[in-house]
Amino acid sequence: LCGALLLGEVVGYLIERQMRLSFLECNAFASLPHATAAPAVRVQPWSLAFTDVALEVQYTSTAFRAACAPFVAFFGVLVVLDAMLAIVFPNFIESIALSIAGSVVCTAVRIWADRTTDQQLA
């Protein structure tokens, strides 16, 4: 069990690291024509934060916006599954309705946060 947890943490760390490095590459190619001797931006090894604060803000805002569609899709599937459970097990309608209401509220808050102008605050 501990090995599986450790493997999950390592794989998650490597995926996040690769995403940040690929974002750094895309950002470097986008600013290539007007780049003059830009300082090297590094990723801190434990926190995976960029050393350049402006680039970190840009990355977190972009990642937050990109995560909205999968979040809404996940909770949409959860609501559909809860509705199917309510049909199959009508005796548990109160608890299933509470789960559906919680999913709808989470989705509404996430969509509201995605539409705010200050993505760092969201």
PDB file of N, CA and C in Angstrom:
ATOM      1  N   LEU A   1       0.826  -1.187   0.000  1.00  0.00           N
ATOM      2  CA  LEU A   1       0.000   0.000   0.000  1.00  0.00           C
ATOM      3  C   LEU A   1       0.874   1.256   0.000  1.00  0.00           C
ATOM      4  N   CYS A   2       1.901   1.269   0.819  1.00  0.00           N
ATOM      5  CA  CYS A   2       2.789   2.436   0.857  1.00  0.00           C
ATOM      6  C   CYS A   2       3.535   2.599  -0.458  1.00  0.00           C
ATOM      7  N   GLY A   3       3.882   1.479  -1.093  1.00  0.00           N
ATOM      8  CA  GLY A   3       4.562   1.545  -2.381  1.00  0.00           C
ATOM      9  C   GLY A   3       3.678   2.168  -3.449  1.00  0.00           C
ATOM     10  N   ALA A   4       2.391   1.827  -3.428  1.00  0.00           N
ATOM     11  CA  ALA A   4       1.457   2.407  -4.401  1.00  0.00           C
ATOM     12  C   ALA A   4       1.293   3.901  -4.168  1.00  0.00           C
ATOM     13  N   LEU A   5       1.212   4.311  -2.902  1.00  0.00           N
ATOM     14  CA  LEU A   5       1.107   5.740  -2.600  1.00  0.00           C
ATOM     15  C   LEU A   5       2.360   6.494  -3.029  1.00  0.00           C
ATOM     16  N   LEU A   6       3.503   5.902  -2.756  1.00  0.00           N
ATOM     17  CA  LEU A   6       4.757   6.534  -3.148  1.00  0.00           C
ATOM     18  C   LEU A   6       4.874   6.624  -4.667  1.00  0.00           C
ATOM     19  N   LEU A   7       4.477   5.556  -5.360  1.00  0.00           N
ATOM     20  CA  LEU A   7       4.508   5.574  -6.824  1.00  0.00           C
ATOM     21  C   LEU A   7       3.577   6.654  -7.376  1.00  0.00           C
ATOM     22  N   GLY A   8       2.400   6.805  -6.774  1.00  0.00           N
ATOM     23  CA  GLY A   8       1.473   7.849  -7.207  1.00  0.00           C
ATOM     24  C   GLY A   8       2.047   9.243  -7.015  1.00  0.00           C
ATOM     25  N   GLU A   9       2.708   9.463  -5.903  1.00  0.00           N
ATOM     26  CA  GLU A   9       3.330  10.761  -5.644  1.00  0.00           C
ATOM     27  C   GLU A   9       4.454  11.048  -6.633  1.00  0.00           C
ATOM     28  N   VAL A  10       5.275  10.049  -6.909  1.00  0.00           N
ATOM     29  CA  VAL A  10       6.392  10.232  -7.838  1.00  0.00           C
ATOM     30  C   VAL A  10       5.879  10.494  -9.247  1.00  0.00           C
ATOM     31  N   VAL A  11       4.884   9.738  -9.677  1.00  0.00           N
ATOM     32  CA  VAL A  11       4.334   9.936 -11.025  1.00  0.00           C
ATOM     33  C   VAL A  11       3.678  11.313 -11.124  1.00  0.00           C
ATOM     34  N   GLY A  12       2.931  11.720 -10.095  1.00  0.00           N
ATOM     35  CA  GLY A  12       2.321  13.048 -10.096  1.00  0.00           C
ATOM     36  C   GLY A  12       3.355  14.159 -10.144  1.00  0.00           C
ATOM     37  N   TYR A  13       4.439  13.995  -9.389  1.00  0.00           N
ATOM     38  CA  TYR A  13       5.528  14.973  -9.392  1.00  0.00           C
ATOM     39  C   TYR A  13       6.144  15.072 -10.783  1.00  0.00           C
ATOM     40  N   LEU A  14       6.406  13.931 -11.412  1.00  0.00           N
ATOM     41  CA  LEU A  14       7.028  13.942 -12.736  1.00  0.00           C
ATOM     42  C   LEU A  14       6.099  14.535 -13.797  1.00  0.00           C
ATOM     43  N   ILE A  15       4.810  14.265 -13.697  1.00  0.00           N
ATOM     44  CA  ILE A  15       3.856  14.841 -14.653  1.00  0.00           C
ATOM     45  C   ILE A  15       3.804  16.363 -14.493  1.00  0.00           C
ATOM     46  N   GLU A  16       3.704  16.834 -13.261  1.00  0.00           N
ATOM     47  CA  GLU A  16       3.671  18.288 -13.021  1.00  0.00           C
ATOM     48  C   GLU A  16       4.965  18.948 -13.474  1.00  0.00           C
ATOM     49  N   ARG A  17       6.091  18.308 -13.217  1.00  0.00           N
ATOM     50  CA  ARG A  17       7.389  18.847 -13.642  1.00  0.00           C
ATOM     51  C   ARG A  17       7.451  18.960 -15.157  1.00  0.00           C
ATOM     52  N   GLN A  18       6.985  17.916 -15.850  1.00  0.00           N
ATOM     53  CA  GLN A  18       7.002  17.940 -17.313  1.00  0.00           C
ATOM     54  C   GLN A  18       6.065  19.015 -17.859  1.00  0.00           C
ATOM     55  N   MET A  19       4.909  19.188 -17.218  1.00  0.00           N
ATOM     56  CA  MET A  19       3.977  20.228 -17.662  1.00  0.00           C
ATOM     57  C   MET A  19       4.591  21.613 -17.506  1.00  0.00           C
ATOM     58  N   ARG A  20       5.274  21.842 -16.397  1.00  0.00           N
ATOM     59  CA  ARG A  20       5.899  23.150 -16.182  1.00  0.00           C
ATOM     60  C   ARG A  20       7.049  23.392 -17.161  1.00  0.00           C
ATOM     61  N   LEU A  21       7.842  22.358 -17.411  1.00  0.00           N
ATOM     62  CA  LEU A  21       8.951  22.525 -18.354  1.00  0.00           C
ATOM     63  C   LEU A  21       8.448  22.748 -19.776  1.00  0.00           C
ATOM     64  N   SER A  22       7.380  22.054 -20.168  1.00  0.00           N
ATOM     65  CA  SER A  22       6.839  22.277 -21.513  1.00  0.00           C
ATOM     66  C   SER A  22       6.211  23.662 -21.621  1.00  0.00           C
ATOM     67  N   PHE A  23       5.589  24.148 -20.540  1.00  0.00           N
ATOM     68  CA  PHE A  23       5.066  25.513 -20.538  1.00  0.00           C
ATOM     69  C   PHE A  23       6.200  26.510 -20.683  1.00  0.00           C
ATOM     70  N   LEU A  24       7.308  26.234 -20.030  1.00  0.00           N
ATOM     71  CA  LEU A  24       8.479  27.105 -20.123  1.00  0.00           C
ATOM     72  C   LEU A  24       9.024  27.131 -21.547  1.00  0.00           C
ATOM     73  N   GLU A  25       9.049  25.971 -22.206  1.00  0.00           N
ATOM     74  CA  GLU A  25       9.507  25.916 -23.598  1.00  0.00           C
ATOM     75  C   GLU A  25       8.575  26.686 -24.519  1.00  0.00           C
ATOM     76  N   CYS A  26       7.271  26.489 -24.362  1.00  0.00           N
ATOM     77  CA  CYS A  26       6.306  27.207 -25.203  1.00  0.00           C
ATOM     78  C   CYS A  26       6.405  28.704 -24.987  1.00  0.00           C
ATOM     79  N   ASN A  27       6.597  29.107 -23.763  1.00  0.00           N
ATOM     80  CA  ASN A  27       6.724  30.524 -23.448  1.00  0.00           C
ATOM     81  C   ASN A  27       8.021  31.092 -24.027  1.00  0.00           C
ATOM     82  N   ALA A  28       9.077  30.296 -24.035  1.00  0.00           N
ATOM     83  CA  ALA A  28      10.354  30.760 -24.596  1.00  0.00           C
ATOM     84  C   ALA A  28      10.244  30.925 -26.101  1.00  0.00           C
ATOM     85  N   PHE A  29       9.542  30.004 -26.776  1.00  0.00           N
ATOM     86  CA  PHE A  29       9.381  30.116 -28.222  1.00  0.00           C
ATOM     87  C   PHE A  29       8.476  31.280 -28.596  1.00  0.00           C
ATOM     88  N   ALA A  30       7.497  31.581 -27.756  1.00  0.00           N
ATOM     89  CA  ALA A  30       6.593  32.694 -28.045  1.00  0.00           C
ATOM     90  C   ALA A  30       7.309  34.030 -27.927  1.00  0.00           C
ATOM     91  N   SER A  31       8.272  34.120 -27.030  1.00  0.00           N
ATOM     92  CA  SER A  31       8.965  35.393 -26.838  1.00  0.00           C
ATOM     93  C   SER A  31      10.320  35.427 -27.536  1.00  0.00           C
ATOM     94  N   LEU A  32      10.588  34.489 -28.424  1.00  0.00           N
ATOM     95  CA  LEU A  32      11.892  34.392 -29.072  1.00  0.00           C
ATOM     96  C   LEU A  32      12.245  35.591 -29.957  1.00  0.00           C
ATOM     97  N   PRO A  33      11.336  36.121 -30.812  1.00  0.00           N
ATOM     98  CA  PRO A  33      11.748  37.206 -31.710  1.00  0.00           C
ATOM     99  C   PRO A  33      12.207  38.477 -31.005  1.00  0.00           C
ATOM    100  N   HIS A  34      11.625  38.810 -29.876  1.00  0.00           N
ATOM    101  CA  HIS A  34      12.012  40.048 -29.213  1.00  0.00           C
ATOM    102  C   HIS A  34      12.742  39.786 -27.901  1.00  0.00           C
ATOM    103  N   ALA A  35      13.316  38.599 -27.758  1.00  0.00           N
ATOM    104  CA  ALA A  35      14.081  38.296 -26.534  1.00  0.00           C
ATOM    105  C   ALA A  35      15.513  38.783 -26.701  1.00  0.00           C
ATOM    106  N   THR A  36      15.999  39.466 -25.712  1.00  0.00           N
ATOM    107  CA  THR A  36      17.390  39.919 -25.719  1.00  0.00           C
ATOM    108  C   THR A  36      18.163  39.130 -24.688  1.00  0.00           C
ATOM    109  N   ALA A  37      18.880  39.173 -23.959  1.00  0.00           N
ATOM    110  CA  ALA A  37      19.548  38.271 -23.036  1.00  0.00           C
ATOM    111  C   ALA A  37      18.685  38.047 -21.806  1.00  0.00           C
ATOM    112  N   ALA A  38      17.656  37.221 -21.947  1.00  0.00           N
ATOM    113  CA  ALA A  38      16.743  36.956 -20.830  1.00  0.00           C
ATOM    114  C   ALA A  38      17.419  36.041 -19.820  1.00  0.00           C
ATOM    115  N   PRO A  39      17.232  36.302 -18.554  1.00  0.00           N
ATOM    116  CA  PRO A  39      17.838  35.433 -17.548  1.00  0.00           C
ATOM    117  C   PRO A  39      17.192  34.050 -17.584  1.00  0.00           C
ATOM    118  N   ALA A  40      17.958  33.046 -17.237  1.00  0.00           N
ATOM    119  CA  ALA A  40      17.453  31.683 -17.255  1.00  0.00           C
ATOM    120  C   ALA A  40      16.428  31.499 -16.138  1.00  0.00           C
ATOM    121  N   VAL A  41      15.286  30.987 -16.510  1.00  0.00           N
ATOM    122  CA  VAL A  41      14.240  30.710 -15.535  1.00  0.00           C
ATOM    123  C   VAL A  41      14.377  29.262 -15.117  1.00  0.00           C
ATOM    124  N   ARG A  42      14.349  29.049 -13.845  1.00  0.00           N
ATOM    125  CA  ARG A  42      14.517  27.694 -13.324  1.00  0.00           C
ATOM    126  C   ARG A  42      13.273  27.287 -12.558  1.00  0.00           C
ATOM    127  N   VAL A  43      13.149  25.984 -12.384  1.00  0.00           N
ATOM    128  CA  VAL A  43      12.065  25.425 -11.589  1.00  0.00           C
ATOM    129  C   VAL A  43      12.664  24.950 -10.275  1.00  0.00           C
ATOM    130  N   GLN A  44      12.091  25.399  -9.166  1.00  0.00           N
ATOM    131  CA  GLN A  44      12.587  24.967  -7.860  1.00  0.00           C
ATOM    132  C   GLN A  44      12.304  23.473  -7.692  1.00  0.00           C
ATOM    133  N   PRO A  45      13.257  22.705  -7.190  1.00  0.00           N
ATOM    134  CA  PRO A  45      13.123  21.248  -7.215  1.00  0.00           C
ATOM    135  C   PRO A  45      11.999  20.677  -6.348  1.00  0.00           C
ATOM    136  N   TRP A  46      11.729  21.231  -5.193  1.00  0.00           N
ATOM    137  CA  TRP A  46      10.723  20.623  -4.320  1.00  0.00           C
ATOM    138  C   TRP A  46       9.341  21.190  -4.535  1.00  0.00           C
ATOM    139  N   SER A  47       9.237  22.482  -4.714  1.00  0.00           N
ATOM    140  CA  SER A  47       7.915  23.090  -4.866  1.00  0.00           C
ATOM    141  C   SER A  47       7.468  23.149  -6.324  1.00  0.00           C
ATOM    142  N   LEU A  48       8.385  22.959  -7.251  1.00  0.00           N
ATOM    143  CA  LEU A  48       8.136  23.062  -8.696  1.00  0.00           C
ATOM    144  C   LEU A  48       7.643  24.448  -9.099  1.00  0.00           C
ATOM    145  N   ALA A  49       7.937  25.457  -8.319  1.00  0.00           N
ATOM    146  CA  ALA A  49       7.573  26.827  -8.662  1.00  0.00           C
ATOM    147  C   ALA A  49       8.681  27.436  -9.514  1.00  0.00           C
ATOM    148  N   PHE A  50       8.293  28.288 -10.453  1.00  0.00           N
ATOM    149  CA  PHE A  50       9.270  28.998 -11.260  1.00  0.00           C
ATOM    150  C   PHE A  50       9.961  30.051 -10.403  1.00  0.00           C
ATOM    151  N   THR A  51      11.222  30.304 -10.687  1.00  0.00           N
ATOM    152  CA  THR A  51      11.929  31.351  -9.953  1.00  0.00           C
ATOM    153  C   THR A  51      11.466  32.736 -10.394  1.00  0.00           C
ATOM    154  N   ASP A  52      10.970  32.862 -11.609  1.00  0.00           N
ATOM    155  CA  ASP A  52      10.423  34.120 -12.110  1.00  0.00           C
ATOM    156  C   ASP A  52       8.962  34.235 -11.655  1.00  0.00           C
ATOM    157  N   VAL A  53       8.662  35.237 -10.850  1.00  0.00           N
ATOM    158  CA  VAL A  53       7.337  35.379 -10.263  1.00  0.00           C
ATOM    159  C   VAL A  53       6.275  35.636 -11.334  1.00  0.00           C
ATOM    160  N   ALA A  54       6.581  36.455 -12.318  1.00  0.00           N
ATOM    161  CA  ALA A  54       5.603  36.757 -13.365  1.00  0.00           C
ATOM    162  C   ALA A  54       5.260  35.506 -14.168  1.00  0.00           C
ATOM    163  N   LEU A  55       6.250  34.694 -14.441  1.00  0.00           N
ATOM    164  CA  LEU A  55       6.001  33.452 -15.171  1.00  0.00           C
ATOM    165  C   LEU A  55       5.187  32.475 -14.323  1.00  0.00           C
ATOM    166  N   GLU A  56       5.416  32.447 -13.030  1.00  0.00           N
ATOM    167  CA  GLU A  56       4.636  31.591 -12.126  1.00  0.00           C
ATOM    168  C   GLU A  56       3.176  32.023 -12.104  1.00  0.00           C
ATOM    169  N   VAL A  57       2.937  33.319 -12.071  1.00  0.00           N
ATOM    170  CA  VAL A  57       1.567  33.836 -12.097  1.00  0.00           C
ATOM    171  C   VAL A  57       0.890  33.470 -13.409  1.00  0.00           C
ATOM    172  N   GLN A  58       1.601  33.630 -14.512  1.00  0.00           N
ATOM    173  CA  GLN A  58       1.041  33.286 -15.820  1.00  0.00           C
ATOM    174  C   GLN A  58       0.739  31.792 -15.911  1.00  0.00           C
ATOM    175  N   TYR A  59       1.635  30.953 -15.408  1.00  0.00           N
ATOM    176  CA  TYR A  59       1.426  29.505 -15.468  1.00  0.00           C
ATOM    177  C   TYR A  59       0.234  29.071 -14.614  1.00  0.00           C
ATOM    178  N   THR A  60       0.147  29.580 -13.387  1.00  0.00           N
ATOM    179  CA  THR A  60      -0.952  29.165 -12.523  1.00  0.00           C
ATOM    180  C   THR A  60      -2.300  29.644 -13.057  1.00  0.00           C
ATOM    181  N   SER A  61      -2.333  30.831 -13.652  1.00  0.00           N
ATOM    182  CA  SER A  61      -3.581  31.316 -14.255  1.00  0.00           C
ATOM    183  C   SER A  61      -3.989  30.451 -15.439  1.00  0.00           C
ATOM    184  N   THR A  62      -3.034  30.093 -16.278  1.00  0.00           N
ATOM    185  CA  THR A  62      -3.320  29.253 -17.437  1.00  0.00           C
ATOM    186  C   THR A  62      -3.764  27.858 -17.003  1.00  0.00           C
ATOM    187  N   ALA A  63      -3.101  27.299 -16.012  1.00  0.00           N
ATOM    188  CA  ALA A  63      -3.466  25.962 -15.528  1.00  0.00           C
ATOM    189  C   ALA A  63      -4.838  25.968 -14.870  1.00  0.00           C
ATOM    190  N   PHE A  64      -5.162  27.040 -14.152  1.00  0.00           N
ATOM    191  CA  PHE A  64      -6.472  27.142 -13.504  1.00  0.00           C
ATOM    192  C   PHE A  64      -7.578  27.188 -14.546  1.00  0.00           C
ATOM    193  N   ARG A  65      -7.376  27.974 -15.588  1.00  0.00           N
ATOM    194  CA  ARG A  65      -8.388  28.059 -16.647  1.00  0.00           C
ATOM    195  C   ARG A  65      -8.514  26.740 -17.412  1.00  0.00           C
ATOM    196  N   ALA A  66      -7.406  26.067 -17.632  1.00  0.00           N
ATOM    197  CA  ALA A  66      -7.434  24.807 -18.381  1.00  0.00           C
ATOM    198  C   ALA A  66      -8.105  23.693 -17.591  1.00  0.00           C
ATOM    199  N   ALA A  67      -8.122  23.789 -16.274  1.00  0.00           N
ATOM    200  CA  ALA A  67      -8.710  22.733 -15.445  1.00  0.00           C
ATOM    201  C   ALA A  67     -10.220  22.863 -15.303  1.00  0.00           C
ATOM    202  N   CYS A  68     -10.820  23.909 -15.813  1.00  0.00           N
ATOM    203  CA  CYS A  68     -12.254  24.123 -15.628  1.00  0.00           C
ATOM    204  C   CYS A  68     -13.089  23.083 -16.369  1.00  0.00           C
ATOM    205  N   ALA A  69     -12.803  22.829 -17.623  1.00  0.00           N
ATOM    206  CA  ALA A  69     -13.613  21.894 -18.404  1.00  0.00           C
ATOM    207  C   ALA A  69     -13.571  20.473 -17.835  1.00  0.00           C
ATOM    208  N   PRO A  70     -12.411  19.915 -17.481  1.00  0.00           N
ATOM    209  CA  PRO A  70     -12.429  18.585 -16.866  1.00  0.00           C
ATOM    210  C   PRO A  70     -13.164  18.554 -15.524  1.00  0.00           C
ATOM    211  N   PHE A  71     -13.059  19.628 -14.752  1.00  0.00           N
ATOM    212  CA  PHE A  71     -13.753  19.704 -13.471  1.00  0.00           C
ATOM    213  C   PHE A  71     -15.258  19.656 -13.673  1.00  0.00           C
ATOM    214  N   VAL A  72     -15.758  20.464 -14.601  1.00  0.00           N
ATOM    215  CA  VAL A  72     -17.192  20.502 -14.872  1.00  0.00           C
ATOM    216  C   VAL A  72     -17.660  19.159 -15.460  1.00  0.00           C
ATOM    217  N   ALA A  73     -16.867  18.556 -16.321  1.00  0.00           N
ATOM    218  CA  ALA A  73     -17.235  17.261 -16.890  1.00  0.00           C
ATOM    219  C   ALA A  73     -17.298  16.184 -15.811  1.00  0.00           C
ATOM    220  N   PHE A  74     -16.333  16.182 -14.893  1.00  0.00           N
ATOM    221  CA  PHE A  74     -16.325  15.201 -13.812  1.00  0.00           C
ATOM    222  C   PHE A  74     -17.573  15.325 -12.953  1.00  0.00           C
ATOM    223  N   PHE A  75     -17.902  16.536 -12.544  1.00  0.00           N
ATOM    224  CA  PHE A  75     -19.079  16.714 -11.708  1.00  0.00           C
ATOM    225  C   PHE A  75     -20.371  16.500 -12.489  1.00  0.00           C
ATOM    226  N   GLY A  76     -20.365  16.756 -13.796  1.00  0.00           N
ATOM    227  CA  GLY A  76     -21.530  16.438 -14.618  1.00  0.00           C
ATOM    228  C   GLY A  76     -21.791  14.943 -14.658  1.00  0.00           C
ATOM    229  N   VAL A  77     -20.738  14.160 -14.821  1.00  0.00           N
ATOM    230  CA  VAL A  77     -20.875  12.699 -14.794  1.00  0.00           C
ATOM    231  C   VAL A  77     -21.341  12.242 -13.419  1.00  0.00           C
ATOM    232  N   LEU A  78     -20.829  12.854 -12.367  1.00  0.00           N
ATOM    233  CA  LEU A  78     -21.247  12.506 -11.015  1.00  0.00           C
ATOM    234  C   LEU A  78     -22.735  12.771 -10.800  1.00  0.00           C
ATOM    235  N   VAL A  79     -23.239  13.871 -11.318  1.00  0.00           N
ATOM    236  CA  VAL A  79     -24.669  14.185 -11.191  1.00  0.00           C
ATOM    237  C   VAL A  79     -25.507  13.162 -11.959  1.00  0.00           C
ATOM    238  N   VAL A  80     -25.058  12.787 -13.157  1.00  0.00           N
ATOM    239  CA  VAL A  80     -25.800  11.792 -13.943  1.00  0.00           C
ATOM    240  C   VAL A  80     -25.814  10.443 -13.217  1.00  0.00           C
ATOM    241  N   LEU A  81     -24.678  10.038 -12.662  1.00  0.00           N
ATOM    242  CA  LEU A  81     -24.633   8.783 -11.918  1.00  0.00           C
ATOM    243  C   LEU A  81     -25.510   8.840 -10.670  1.00  0.00           C
ATOM    244  N   ASP A  82     -25.519   9.982  -9.991  1.00  0.00           N
ATOM    245  CA  ASP A  82     -26.395  10.128  -8.833  1.00  0.00           C
ATOM    246  C   ASP A  82     -27.861  10.060  -9.233  1.00  0.00           C
ATOM    247  N   ALA A  83     -28.204  10.652 -10.359  1.00  0.00           N
ATOM    248  CA  ALA A  83     -29.594  10.587 -10.835  1.00  0.00           C
ATOM    249  C   ALA A  83     -29.977   9.140 -11.165  1.00  0.00           C
ATOM    250  N   MET A  84     -29.049   8.402 -11.761  1.00  0.00           N
ATOM    251  CA  MET A  84     -29.331   6.984 -12.046  1.00  0.00           C
ATOM    252  C   MET A  84     -29.493   6.196 -10.745  1.00  0.00           C
ATOM    253  N   LEU A  85     -28.675   6.490  -9.750  1.00  0.00           N
ATOM    254  CA  LEU A  85     -28.822   5.828  -8.448  1.00  0.00           C
ATOM    255  C   LEU A  85     -30.157   6.165  -7.797  1.00  0.00           C
ATOM    256  N   ALA A  86     -30.615   7.390  -7.952  1.00  0.00           N
ATOM    257  CA  ALA A  86     -31.902   7.789  -7.384  1.00  0.00           C
ATOM    258  C   ALA A  86     -33.048   7.026  -8.038  1.00  0.00           C
ATOM    259  N   ILE A  87     -32.902   6.716  -9.313  1.00  0.00           N
ATOM    260  CA  ILE A  87     -33.935   5.939 -10.006  1.00  0.00           C
ATOM    261  C   ILE A  87     -33.913   4.492  -9.536  1.00  0.00           C
ATOM    262  N   VAL A  88     -32.730   3.936  -9.392  1.00  0.00           N
ATOM    263  CA  VAL A  88     -32.603   2.527  -9.010  1.00  0.00           C
ATOM    264  C   VAL A  88     -32.930   2.326  -7.527  1.00  0.00           C
ATOM    265  N   PHE A  89     -32.482   3.244  -6.676  1.00  0.00           N
ATOM    266  CA  PHE A  89     -32.692   3.123  -5.228  1.00  0.00           C
ATOM    267  C   PHE A  89     -33.495   4.317  -4.712  1.00  0.00           C
ATOM    268  N   PRO A  90     -34.797   4.310  -4.890  1.00  0.00           N
ATOM    269  CA  PRO A  90     -35.594   5.463  -4.451  1.00  0.00           C
ATOM    270  C   PRO A  90     -35.638   5.629  -2.931  1.00  0.00           C
ATOM    271  N   ASN A  91     -35.241   4.621  -2.177  1.00  0.00           N
ATOM    272  CA  ASN A  91     -35.245   4.735  -0.714  1.00  0.00           C
ATOM    273  C   ASN A  91     -34.174   5.697  -0.212  1.00  0.00           C
ATOM    274  N   PHE A  92     -33.126   5.915  -0.991  1.00  0.00           N
ATOM    275  CA  PHE A  92     -32.013   6.768  -0.576  1.00  0.00           C
ATOM    276  C   PHE A  92     -32.047   8.130  -1.275  1.00  0.00           C
ATOM    277  N   ILE A  93     -33.215   8.574  -1.650  1.00  0.00           N
ATOM    278  CA  ILE A  93     -33.350   9.796  -2.442  1.00  0.00           C
ATOM    279  C   ILE A  93     -32.828  11.026  -1.691  1.00  0.00           C
ATOM    280  N   GLU A  94     -32.980  11.071  -0.359  1.00  0.00           N
ATOM    281  CA  GLU A  94     -32.533  12.250   0.399  1.00  0.00           C
ATOM    282  C   GLU A  94     -31.011  12.403   0.340  1.00  0.00           C
ATOM    283  N   SER A  95     -30.302  11.316   0.565  1.00  0.00           N
ATOM    284  CA  SER A  95     -28.833  11.414   0.541  1.00  0.00           C
ATOM    285  C   SER A  95     -28.314  11.630  -0.876  1.00  0.00           C
ATOM    286  N   ILE A  96     -28.967  11.046  -1.848  1.00  0.00           N
ATOM    287  CA  ILE A  96     -28.550  11.239  -3.234  1.00  0.00           C
ATOM    288  C   ILE A  96     -28.836  12.675  -3.672  1.00  0.00           C
ATOM    289  N   ALA A  97     -29.959  13.226  -3.238  1.00  0.00           N
ATOM    290  CA  ALA A  97     -30.275  14.625  -3.572  1.00  0.00           C
ATOM    291  C   ALA A  97     -29.252  15.571  -2.950  1.00  0.00           C
ATOM    292  N   LEU A  98     -28.795  15.244  -1.742  1.00  0.00           N
ATOM    293  CA  LEU A  98     -27.760  16.058  -1.103  1.00  0.00           C
ATOM    294  C   LEU A  98     -26.455  16.008  -1.903  1.00  0.00           C
ATOM    295  N   SER A  99     -26.112  14.834  -2.412  1.00  0.00           N
ATOM    296  CA  SER A  99     -24.908  14.701  -3.242  1.00  0.00           C
ATOM    297  C   SER A  99     -25.050  15.477  -4.552  1.00  0.00           C
ATOM    298  N   ILE A 100     -26.223  15.415  -5.149  1.00  0.00           N
ATOM    299  CA  ILE A 100     -26.462  16.163  -6.393  1.00  0.00           C
ATOM    300  C   ILE A 100     -26.369  17.670  -6.130  1.00  0.00           C
ATOM    301  N   ALA A 101     -26.972  18.124  -5.035  1.00  0.00           N
ATOM    302  CA  ALA A 101     -26.921  19.556  -4.707  1.00  0.00           C
ATOM    303  C   ALA A 101     -25.487  20.006  -4.452  1.00  0.00           C
ATOM    304  N   GLY A 102     -24.719  19.194  -3.739  1.00  0.00           N
ATOM    305  CA  GLY A 102     -23.317  19.538  -3.502  1.00  0.00           C
ATOM    306  C   GLY A 102     -22.516  19.603  -4.788  1.00  0.00           C
ATOM    307  N   SER A 103     -22.764  18.680  -5.706  1.00  0.00           N
ATOM    308  CA  SER A 103     -22.057  18.679  -6.990  1.00  0.00           C
ATOM    309  C   SER A 103     -22.414  19.912  -7.817  1.00  0.00           C
ATOM    310  N   VAL A 104     -23.680  20.275  -7.806  1.00  0.00           N
ATOM    311  CA  VAL A 104     -24.118  21.455  -8.564  1.00  0.00           C
ATOM    312  C   VAL A 104     -23.512  22.731  -7.976  1.00  0.00           C
ATOM    313  N   VAL A 105     -23.472  22.814  -6.648  1.00  0.00           N
ATOM    314  CA  VAL A 105     -22.878  23.994  -6.002  1.00  0.00           C
ATOM    315  C   VAL A 105     -21.380  24.078  -6.316  1.00  0.00           C
ATOM    316  N   CYS A 106     -20.670  22.945  -6.228  1.00  0.00           N
ATOM    317  CA  CYS A 106     -19.232  22.940  -6.551  1.00  0.00           C
ATOM    318  C   CYS A 106     -18.986  23.373  -7.988  1.00  0.00           C
ATOM    319  N   THR A 107     -19.809  22.882  -8.895  1.00  0.00           N
ATOM    320  CA  THR A 107     -19.668  23.250 -10.308  1.00  0.00           C
ATOM    321  C   THR A 107     -19.952  24.737 -10.516  1.00  0.00           C
ATOM    322  N   ALA A 108     -20.986  25.251  -9.878  1.00  0.00           N
ATOM    323  CA  ALA A 108     -21.325  26.675 -10.025  1.00  0.00           C
ATOM    324  C   ALA A 108     -20.218  27.567  -9.479  1.00  0.00           C
ATOM    325  N   VAL A 109     -19.653  27.202  -8.338  1.00  0.00           N
ATOM    326  CA  VAL A 109     -18.566  27.999  -7.763  1.00  0.00           C
ATOM    327  C   VAL A 109     -17.337  27.957  -8.660  1.00  0.00           C
ATOM    328  N   ARG A 110     -17.039  26.804  -9.223  1.00  0.00           N
ATOM    329  CA  ARG A 110     -15.863  26.674 -10.105  1.00  0.00           C
ATOM    330  C   ARG A 110     -16.038  27.497 -11.376  1.00  0.00           C
ATOM    331  N   ILE A 111     -17.229  27.475 -11.948  1.00  0.00           N
ATOM    332  CA  ILE A 111     -17.481  28.276 -13.156  1.00  0.00           C
ATOM    333  C   ILE A 111     -17.420  29.761 -12.821  1.00  0.00           C
ATOM    334  N   TRP A 112     -17.967  30.156 -11.666  1.00  0.00           N
ATOM    335  CA  TRP A 112     -17.887  31.553 -11.252  1.00  0.00           C
ATOM    336  C   TRP A 112     -16.427  31.970 -11.066  1.00  0.00           C
ATOM    337  N   ALA A 113     -15.632  31.126 -10.415  1.00  0.00           N
ATOM    338  CA  ALA A 113     -14.226  31.462 -10.182  1.00  0.00           C
ATOM    339  C   ALA A 113     -13.447  31.540 -11.494  1.00  0.00           C
ATOM    340  N   ASP A 114     -13.839  30.729 -12.465  1.00  0.00           N
ATOM    341  CA  ASP A 114     -13.145  30.752 -13.752  1.00  0.00           C
ATOM    342  C   ASP A 114     -13.414  32.041 -14.516  1.00  0.00           C
ATOM    343  N   ARG A 115     -14.552  32.658 -14.275  1.00  0.00           N
ATOM    344  CA  ARG A 115     -14.913  33.871 -15.018  1.00  0.00           C
ATOM    345  C   ARG A 115     -14.461  35.155 -14.337  1.00  0.00           C
ATOM    346  N   THR A 116     -13.845  35.063 -13.172  1.00  0.00           N
ATOM    347  CA  THR A 116     -13.367  36.272 -12.517  1.00  0.00           C
ATOM    348  C   THR A 116     -12.152  36.828 -13.263  1.00  0.00           C
ATOM    349  N   THR A 117     -11.916  38.099 -13.114  1.00  0.00           N
ATOM    350  CA  THR A 117     -10.787  38.708 -13.815  1.00  0.00           C
ATOM    351  C   THR A 117      -9.467  38.425 -13.120  1.00  0.00           C
ATOM    352  N   ASP A 118      -9.482  38.288 -11.803  1.00  0.00           N
ATOM    353  CA  ASP A 118      -8.253  38.029 -11.049  1.00  0.00           C
ATOM    354  C   ASP A 118      -8.127  36.522 -10.801  1.00  0.00           C
ATOM    355  N   GLN A 119      -7.405  35.827 -11.669  1.00  0.00           N
ATOM    356  CA  GLN A 119      -7.285  34.379 -11.560  1.00  0.00           C
ATOM    357  C   GLN A 119      -6.421  33.962 -10.385  1.00  0.00           C
ATOM    358  N   GLN A 120      -5.507  34.795  -9.925  1.00  0.00           N
ATOM    359  CA  GLN A 120      -4.700  34.460  -8.760  1.00  0.00           C
ATOM    360  C   GLN A 120      -5.555  34.467  -7.491  1.00  0.00           C
ATOM    361  N   LEU A 121      -6.493  35.373  -7.412  1.00  0.00           N
ATOM    362  CA  LEU A 121      -7.398  35.407  -6.275  1.00  0.00           C
ATOM    363  C   LEU A 121      -8.349  34.218  -6.307  1.00  0.00           C
ATOM    364  N   ALA A 122      -8.772  33.823  -7.495  1.00  0.00           N
ATOM    365  CA  ALA A 122      -9.711  32.701  -7.634  1.00  0.00           C
ATOM    366  C   ALA A 122      -9.028  31.426  -7.199  1.00  0.00           C
TER     367      ALA A 122
END
